[in-house]
Protein backbone atom coordinates (compact mmCIF):
# COMPACT_ATOMS: atom_id res chain seq x y z
CA MET A 1 0.00 0.00 0.00
CA SER A 2 1.47 3.35 -1.10
CA ASP A 3 1.12 6.01 1.63
CA VAL A 4 1.99 9.70 1.41
CA PHE A 5 1.98 12.05 4.40
CA ILE A 6 1.45 15.82 4.08
CA LEU A 7 2.40 17.91 7.13
CA GLY A 8 1.34 21.42 8.04
CA THR A 9 2.28 23.60 11.01
CA GLY A 10 -0.26 21.77 13.17
CA PHE A 11 2.02 18.72 13.08
CA SER A 12 4.93 20.62 14.64
CA LYS A 13 2.54 22.31 17.08
CA GLY A 14 1.43 18.84 18.13
CA ILE A 15 5.05 17.98 18.96
CA SER A 16 5.36 21.00 21.24
CA CYS A 17 3.33 24.08 22.07
CA GLU A 18 6.59 26.01 21.64
CA MET A 19 6.37 25.56 17.86
CA PRO A 20 4.53 28.56 16.37
CA LEU A 21 1.56 28.60 14.04
CA LEU A 22 1.59 31.34 11.39
CA LYS A 23 -0.05 33.98 13.61
CA GLU A 24 2.42 33.31 16.44
CA LEU A 25 5.32 33.25 13.98
CA SER A 26 4.20 36.64 12.72
CA ALA A 27 4.22 38.22 16.16
CA ARG A 28 7.60 36.79 17.17
CA ALA A 29 9.37 37.57 13.88
CA LEU A 30 8.00 41.12 13.70
CA GLY A 31 8.99 41.63 17.32
CA LYS A 32 12.59 40.80 16.41
CA THR A 33 12.67 43.24 13.50
CA ARG A 34 10.73 46.28 14.76
CA ARG A 35 13.90 48.36 14.78
CA LEU A 36 15.11 47.01 11.44
CA VAL A 37 12.06 47.55 9.26
CA SER A 38 10.07 50.68 8.61
CA THR A 39 8.04 52.09 11.50
CA GLU A 40 5.98 54.22 9.11
CA HIS A 41 3.74 51.40 7.88
CA SER A 42 0.25 51.02 9.28
CA SER A 43 -0.85 48.05 11.36
CA ALA A 44 -2.90 46.90 8.34
CA LEU A 45 0.44 45.75 6.92
CA THR A 46 2.60 44.95 9.93
CA ASP A 47 0.06 42.91 11.95
CA ASP A 48 0.10 40.08 9.38
CA VAL A 49 3.52 38.69 8.41
CA GLU A 50 2.16 37.15 5.20
CA VAL A 51 0.74 40.47 4.00
CA TYR A 52 3.77 42.42 5.19
CA LEU A 53 6.32 40.10 3.55
CA THR A 54 4.34 40.21 0.32
CA TYR A 55 4.46 44.01 0.43
CA LEU A 56 8.18 44.15 1.23
CA SER A 57 9.15 41.61 -1.45
CA GLN A 58 7.75 43.61 -4.36
CA ARG A 59 8.64 46.89 -6.06
CA TYR A 60 5.86 49.46 -6.40
CA PRO A 61 5.59 52.41 -8.84
CA TRP A 62 5.27 55.02 -6.09
CA GLN A 63 8.56 54.06 -4.43
CA SER A 64 11.81 55.90 -5.01
CA GLU A 65 14.99 53.86 -5.49
CA PRO A 66 16.17 54.39 -1.88
CA GLU A 67 12.71 53.49 -0.53
CA ALA A 68 12.56 50.29 -2.60
CA THR A 69 16.04 49.26 -1.48
CA TYR A 70 15.13 49.93 2.15
CA GLU A 71 11.99 47.79 1.87
CA GLN A 72 13.98 44.98 0.25
CA ALA A 73 16.41 45.07 3.18
CA GLY A 74 13.44 44.82 5.55
CA PHE A 75 12.22 41.77 3.65
CA LEU A 76 15.57 40.01 4.01
CA LYS A 77 15.79 40.86 7.72
CA LEU A 78 12.28 39.59 8.36
CA ARG A 79 13.00 36.36 6.47
CA GLU A 80 16.08 35.78 8.63
CA ALA A 81 14.02 36.53 11.75
CA ILE A 82 11.52 33.83 10.78
CA ALA A 83 14.33 31.25 10.62
CA ASP A 84 15.68 32.45 13.99
CA VAL A 85 12.26 32.23 15.65
CA ILE A 86 11.75 28.67 14.43
CA SER A 87 15.23 27.53 15.49
CA GLU A 88 14.75 29.02 18.96
CA ALA A 89 11.34 27.36 19.28
CA GLU A 90 12.85 24.01 18.27
CA ASP A 91 15.56 24.26 20.93
CA LYS A 92 12.90 24.86 23.58
CA ALA A 93 10.69 22.09 22.22
CA PHE A 94 13.48 19.51 22.31
CA SER A 95 14.66 20.49 25.78
CA THR A 96 11.53 18.85 27.17
CA GLU A 97 9.92 15.45 26.78
CA ARG A 98 8.33 14.77 23.40
CA PRO A 99 4.84 13.25 22.96
CA ARG A 100 4.59 9.46 22.90
CA TRP A 101 3.06 9.40 19.44
CA LEU A 102 6.15 10.97 17.80
CA PRO A 103 8.50 7.94 17.93
CA GLN A 104 5.53 5.74 17.01
CA ILE A 105 4.85 7.54 13.74
CA LEU A 106 8.60 7.69 12.97
CA GLU A 107 8.86 3.95 13.50
CA TYR A 108 5.88 3.49 11.18
CA TRP A 109 7.66 5.60 8.55
CA ARG A 110 10.86 3.59 9.04
CA ARG A 111 9.02 0.37 8.30
CA LYS A 112 6.83 1.64 5.45
CA LYS A 113 9.34 4.14 3.93
CA PRO A 114 6.68 6.58 2.64
CA TYR A 115 7.13 9.99 1.10
CA VAL A 116 6.60 12.66 3.77
CA ILE A 117 5.72 16.05 2.25
CA THR A 118 5.99 19.00 4.59
CA PHE A 119 5.22 22.71 4.27
CA ASN A 120 7.22 23.41 7.45
CA TYR A 121 10.67 25.01 7.70
CA ASP A 122 11.65 23.35 10.98
CA THR A 123 13.79 20.26 11.54
CA CYS A 124 11.58 18.67 14.19
CA ILE A 125 11.27 15.43 12.22
CA GLU A 126 15.01 15.16 11.68
CA ARG A 127 15.76 15.88 15.34
CA ALA A 128 13.18 13.37 16.52
CA ALA A 129 14.69 10.75 14.21
CA LEU A 130 17.97 11.03 16.18
CA ASP A 131 16.27 9.73 19.33
CA PHE A 132 16.55 6.04 18.44
CA PRO A 133 19.76 4.96 20.23
CA GLU A 134 19.34 1.33 19.21
CA HIS A 135 20.19 2.42 15.64
CA GLY A 136 23.35 4.35 16.60
CA ASP A 137 24.35 7.78 17.92
CA ASN A 138 22.32 9.44 15.16
CA GLY A 139 19.30 7.16 15.44
CA LEU A 140 17.36 6.58 12.25
CA LEU A 141 19.73 8.93 10.41
CA GLU A 142 22.86 6.90 11.18
CA ASP A 143 25.04 6.80 8.01
CA VAL A 144 22.23 8.41 5.98
CA GLU A 145 23.28 10.92 3.34
CA ASP A 146 21.17 14.06 3.63
CA PRO A 147 20.51 14.56 -0.11
CA ASP A 148 18.95 11.07 -0.06
CA LEU A 149 16.79 11.92 2.93
CA TYR A 150 15.53 15.14 1.34
CA CYS A 151 15.38 13.91 -2.29
CA ALA A 152 17.02 17.21 -3.25
CA PRO A 153 20.22 18.32 -5.03
CA LEU A 154 21.85 19.40 -1.77
CA GLN A 155 25.53 19.28 -0.89
CA ASP A 156 26.98 18.84 2.57
CA ALA A 157 28.27 22.24 3.73
CA ARG A 158 31.68 20.81 4.66
CA ARG A 159 32.34 20.04 0.99
CA ARG A 160 33.02 23.76 0.60
CA THR A 161 36.28 23.26 2.51
CA GLY A 162 37.26 19.71 1.52
CA THR A 163 36.20 16.15 0.82
CA ILE A 164 34.25 14.31 3.49
CA PHE A 165 33.02 10.76 3.96
CA MET A 166 29.36 10.33 3.13
CA GLY A 167 27.18 7.49 4.40
CA ASP A 168 25.66 4.93 2.07
CA LYS A 169 22.67 3.82 4.11
CA LYS A 170 19.22 4.31 2.62
CA PRO A 171 17.07 6.87 4.47
CA PRO A 172 14.24 5.63 6.71
CA PHE A 173 11.76 7.74 4.72
CA SER A 174 11.86 10.46 2.06
CA LEU A 175 11.34 13.98 3.43
CA LEU A 176 10.21 16.53 0.83
CA LYS A 177 10.41 20.08 2.23
CA LEU A 178 8.49 22.12 -0.31
CA HIS A 179 9.13 25.49 1.34
CA GLY A 180 12.78 25.00 2.28
CA SER A 181 14.39 24.31 5.64
CA THR A 182 16.23 26.19 8.38
CA ASN A 183 19.26 23.90 7.87
CA TRP A 184 19.54 24.55 4.09
CA TYR A 185 21.75 27.45 3.07
CA CYS A 186 22.15 29.65 0.00
CA SER A 187 23.35 33.14 -0.91
CA ASN A 188 21.56 36.18 0.46
CA THR A 189 19.20 36.53 -2.50
CA THR A 190 15.45 36.19 -2.95
CA VAL A 191 15.72 34.05 -6.08
CA LEU A 192 18.05 31.13 -6.68
CA SER A 193 19.72 31.07 -10.08
CA GLY A 194 21.28 27.64 -10.38
CA GLU A 195 23.59 28.07 -7.40
CA GLN A 196 24.57 25.19 -5.13
CA VAL A 197 22.43 24.78 -2.01
CA TYR A 198 24.16 23.47 1.10
CA VAL A 199 22.80 21.45 4.02
CA VAL A 200 23.96 21.40 7.62
CA PRO A 201 22.97 17.90 8.74
CA VAL A 202 20.87 17.52 11.86
CA ARG A 203 23.15 15.26 13.87
CA SER A 204 24.18 14.49 17.40
CA TYR A 205 26.72 17.09 18.52
CA GLU A 206 27.35 15.73 22.00
CA GLY A 207 30.88 15.62 23.40
CA GLU A 208 34.06 17.47 22.40
CA LYS A 209 34.19 15.98 18.89
CA GLY A 210 30.54 16.85 18.28
CA ALA A 211 31.06 20.46 19.33
CA GLU A 212 34.04 20.68 16.97
CA HIS A 213 31.97 19.37 14.06
CA LYS A 214 29.19 21.84 14.82
CA ALA A 215 31.63 24.75 14.85
CA THR A 216 33.03 23.59 11.51
CA TYR A 217 29.59 23.61 9.92
CA GLU A 218 28.81 27.06 11.30
CA GLN A 219 32.04 28.35 9.79
CA CYS A 220 31.20 26.76 6.41
CA VAL A 221 27.92 28.67 6.07
CA ARG A 222 28.84 31.96 7.73
CA ASP A 223 28.34 33.78 4.41
CA LYS A 224 25.02 32.04 3.67
CA VAL A 225 21.43 32.40 4.90
CA PRO A 226 18.75 29.77 5.60
CA LEU A 227 16.84 28.81 2.47
CA ILE A 228 13.16 29.21 3.28
CA ILE A 229 10.34 30.37 1.04
CA PRO A 230 8.72 33.04 3.20
CA PRO A 231 4.94 33.03 3.73
CA VAL A 232 4.11 35.54 1.00
CA THR A 233 0.88 35.34 -0.99
CA ASP A 234 2.78 35.24 -4.30
CA LYS A 235 5.62 32.67 -4.22
CA GLU A 236 6.19 32.51 -7.98
CA ASP A 237 9.68 34.07 -7.81
CA PHE A 238 10.80 31.43 -5.32
CA TYR A 239 9.37 28.45 -7.19
CA GLY A 240 10.95 29.35 -10.52
CA ASN A 241 14.27 27.56 -10.04
CA ASP A 242 15.59 24.07 -10.70
CA PHE A 243 16.22 23.27 -7.04
CA PHE A 244 12.63 23.60 -5.85
CA ARG A 245 11.17 22.26 -9.09
CA SER A 246 13.01 18.98 -8.51
CA ILE A 247 11.52 18.64 -5.01
CA TRP A 248 8.00 19.56 -6.11
CA GLY A 249 8.30 17.18 -9.07
CA THR A 250 9.14 14.29 -6.75
CA ALA A 251 6.21 15.22 -4.50
CA GLU A 252 3.86 15.28 -7.49
CA GLU A 253 5.00 11.81 -8.58
CA ALA A 254 4.51 10.47 -5.05
CA LEU A 255 0.96 11.82 -4.85
CA GLN A 256 0.03 10.52 -8.30
CA SER A 257 0.98 6.96 -7.31
CA SER A 258 -0.46 7.09 -3.78
CA GLU A 259 -3.31 4.99 -2.47
CA ARG A 260 -3.66 6.82 0.84
CA VAL A 261 -2.79 10.43 1.68
CA PHE A 262 -2.66 11.59 5.31
CA CYS A 263 -2.76 15.38 5.67
CA ILE A 264 -1.80 16.28 9.24
CA GLY A 265 -2.14 19.74 10.78
CA TYR A 266 -2.96 21.66 7.60
CA SER A 267 -6.14 23.73 7.34
CA MET A 268 -6.04 24.31 3.56
CA PRO A 269 -6.21 28.15 3.73
CA MET A 270 -7.86 29.85 0.77
CA THR A 271 -4.79 32.09 0.33
CA ASP A 272 -2.43 29.16 -0.27
CA LEU A 273 -3.13 29.01 -3.98
CA ALA A 274 0.03 27.10 -4.94
CA ILE A 275 -0.83 24.17 -2.66
CA ARG A 276 -4.49 24.16 -3.68
CA CYS A 277 -3.55 24.09 -7.38
CA PHE A 278 -0.89 21.46 -6.70
CA LEU A 279 -3.36 19.08 -5.03
CA ALA A 280 -5.93 19.72 -7.77
CA THR A 281 -3.52 18.21 -10.32
CA ILE A 282 -3.69 14.74 -8.72
CA ARG A 283 -5.22 12.28 -11.17
CA PRO A 284 -8.72 11.19 -10.07
CA ASP A 285 -8.69 7.77 -8.43
CA PRO A 286 -11.80 6.50 -6.61
CA LYS A 287 -9.60 4.02 -4.70
CA ARG A 288 -7.42 6.75 -3.21
CA HIS A 289 -8.37 7.83 0.31
CA PHE A 290 -7.45 11.30 1.59
CA TYR A 291 -7.42 11.52 5.40
CA ILE A 292 -7.69 14.93 7.07
CA VAL A 293 -6.04 14.99 10.52
CA ASN A 294 -6.62 18.42 12.00
CA MET A 295 -7.94 20.38 14.95
CA VAL A 296 -10.68 22.92 14.25
CA ASN A 297 -11.62 26.06 16.15
CA PRO A 298 -15.32 26.92 15.74
CA GLU A 299 -15.98 30.56 14.95
CA ASP A 300 -18.62 32.67 16.71
CA ASP A 301 -22.02 30.92 16.84
CA GLU A 302 -20.50 27.90 15.07
CA THR A 303 -20.73 24.33 16.36
CA GLU A 304 -17.92 21.80 16.17
CA GLU A 305 -19.79 20.03 13.39
CA ASP A 306 -20.09 23.31 11.46
CA ALA A 307 -16.33 23.91 11.77
CA LYS A 308 -15.63 20.35 10.68
CA THR A 309 -17.91 20.73 7.65
CA ARG A 310 -16.23 24.04 6.73
CA LEU A 311 -12.80 22.40 6.72
CA VAL A 312 -13.97 19.40 4.68
CA ARG A 313 -15.52 21.72 2.09
CA ARG A 314 -12.20 23.55 1.68
CA TYR A 315 -10.53 20.23 0.97
CA GLU A 316 -13.31 19.14 -1.38
CA THR A 317 -12.95 22.39 -3.33
CA ALA A 318 -9.17 22.01 -3.58
CA LEU A 319 -9.21 18.32 -4.50
CA GLY A 320 -12.11 18.63 -6.93
CA GLY A 321 -13.41 15.12 -6.39
CA THR A 322 -10.12 13.39 -7.22
CA CYS A 323 -10.36 11.01 -4.25
CA GLU A 324 -12.42 9.89 -1.27
CA ILE A 325 -12.10 12.22 1.74
CA ASP A 326 -12.09 10.75 5.26
CA SER A 327 -12.92 13.23 8.06
CA GLU A 328 -12.80 10.87 11.05
CA PHE A 329 -9.78 12.65 12.54
CA ILE A 330 -11.12 16.20 12.64
CA SER A 331 -11.98 17.49 16.09
CA THR A 332 -11.71 20.42 18.49
CA ASP A 333 -9.47 18.21 20.64
CA GLU A 334 -5.89 17.07 19.97
CA VAL A 335 -6.29 14.44 17.26
CA ILE A 336 -2.74 13.37 16.33
CA PRO A 337 -2.31 10.88 19.24
CA SER A 338 -5.54 9.06 18.36
CA PHE A 339 -4.67 9.09 14.68
CA VAL A 340 -1.19 7.60 15.28
CA LYS A 341 -2.71 4.95 17.54
CA TRP A 342 -5.16 4.03 14.80
CA LEU A 343 -2.43 4.08 12.14
CA THR A 344 -0.04 1.80 14.02
CA THR A 345 -2.82 -0.53 15.20
CA GLU A 346 -4.23 -0.75 11.69
CA ALA A 347 -0.76 -1.51 10.31
CA SER A 348 -0.23 -4.26 12.90
CA SER A 349 -3.57 -5.89 12.15
CA ARG A 350 -2.81 -5.86 8.43
CA THR A 351 0.57 -7.49 9.09
CA GLU A 352 -0.97 -10.16 11.27
CA GLY A 353 -3.73 -10.71 8.72
């Protein structure tokens, strides 16, 4: 059975309350850059990071050259702040105990080796995969080459300063990060133009040798910035390069051949046109089941059932009847633990059968 997992910010939030959703990310990132970006803009722009980044990333006819350059600098600073906020949240999240369902779903992925498509920038999955000591110091990622894990034309950052030994073990699953990652690095530009993208592997850096390796990596990317596609409404400039096209192409092939798709922690916002169009291209298959795993927050005078129906309709509109939608795991309560329990139990019963 061919499974594909699609992860939104709700997945990372389920790992730890420290991980921010978009609204929280907006507040924290803007708080870091208040002194670095213009204070003359109204709250109609600055209160929403998606709207504000979209404004800063584009040139407008009323702007003078100095004003446009200043706004572009603000865009770059805010993009860096987003990466910093996420990295800080991760450190806090992994300084405490993780939920019991996290190693369970990772173990399921290790056995089934599915494609895992994520819209998230963080490295929560990679860090959680390290916590399997029975597989070695680096857990499920022991001797795994990062380009294989990410299915992307990445190069280990240490190759900038010399040749290194690369592992030859197959990855436990394929992780497709459609919007980039905080541990991928490129030049300080908004658009890639065929340049090499580097990865700083998420590894165990315990002990003196580990600290030395970490310092080496930091030195290798000191002139680079994290490669993340910021949450702007128009991402066309960021998608128009070979690097991201290769990742999205692999994701499209995985979805086309899937029998089950599990979409965890993603609310299918109307403004995310690229994702909605992407999912609409899946070939219709009545045998394919699309599972929505998501918490809902009823609006004023709205029941839980109303909120659930509203979410399902967004998915139905985006998918256009290409598959059967299962809404069993939509609730106002935390649903990921019950979903993972069902997933692992269902897998065990199928194996026994």
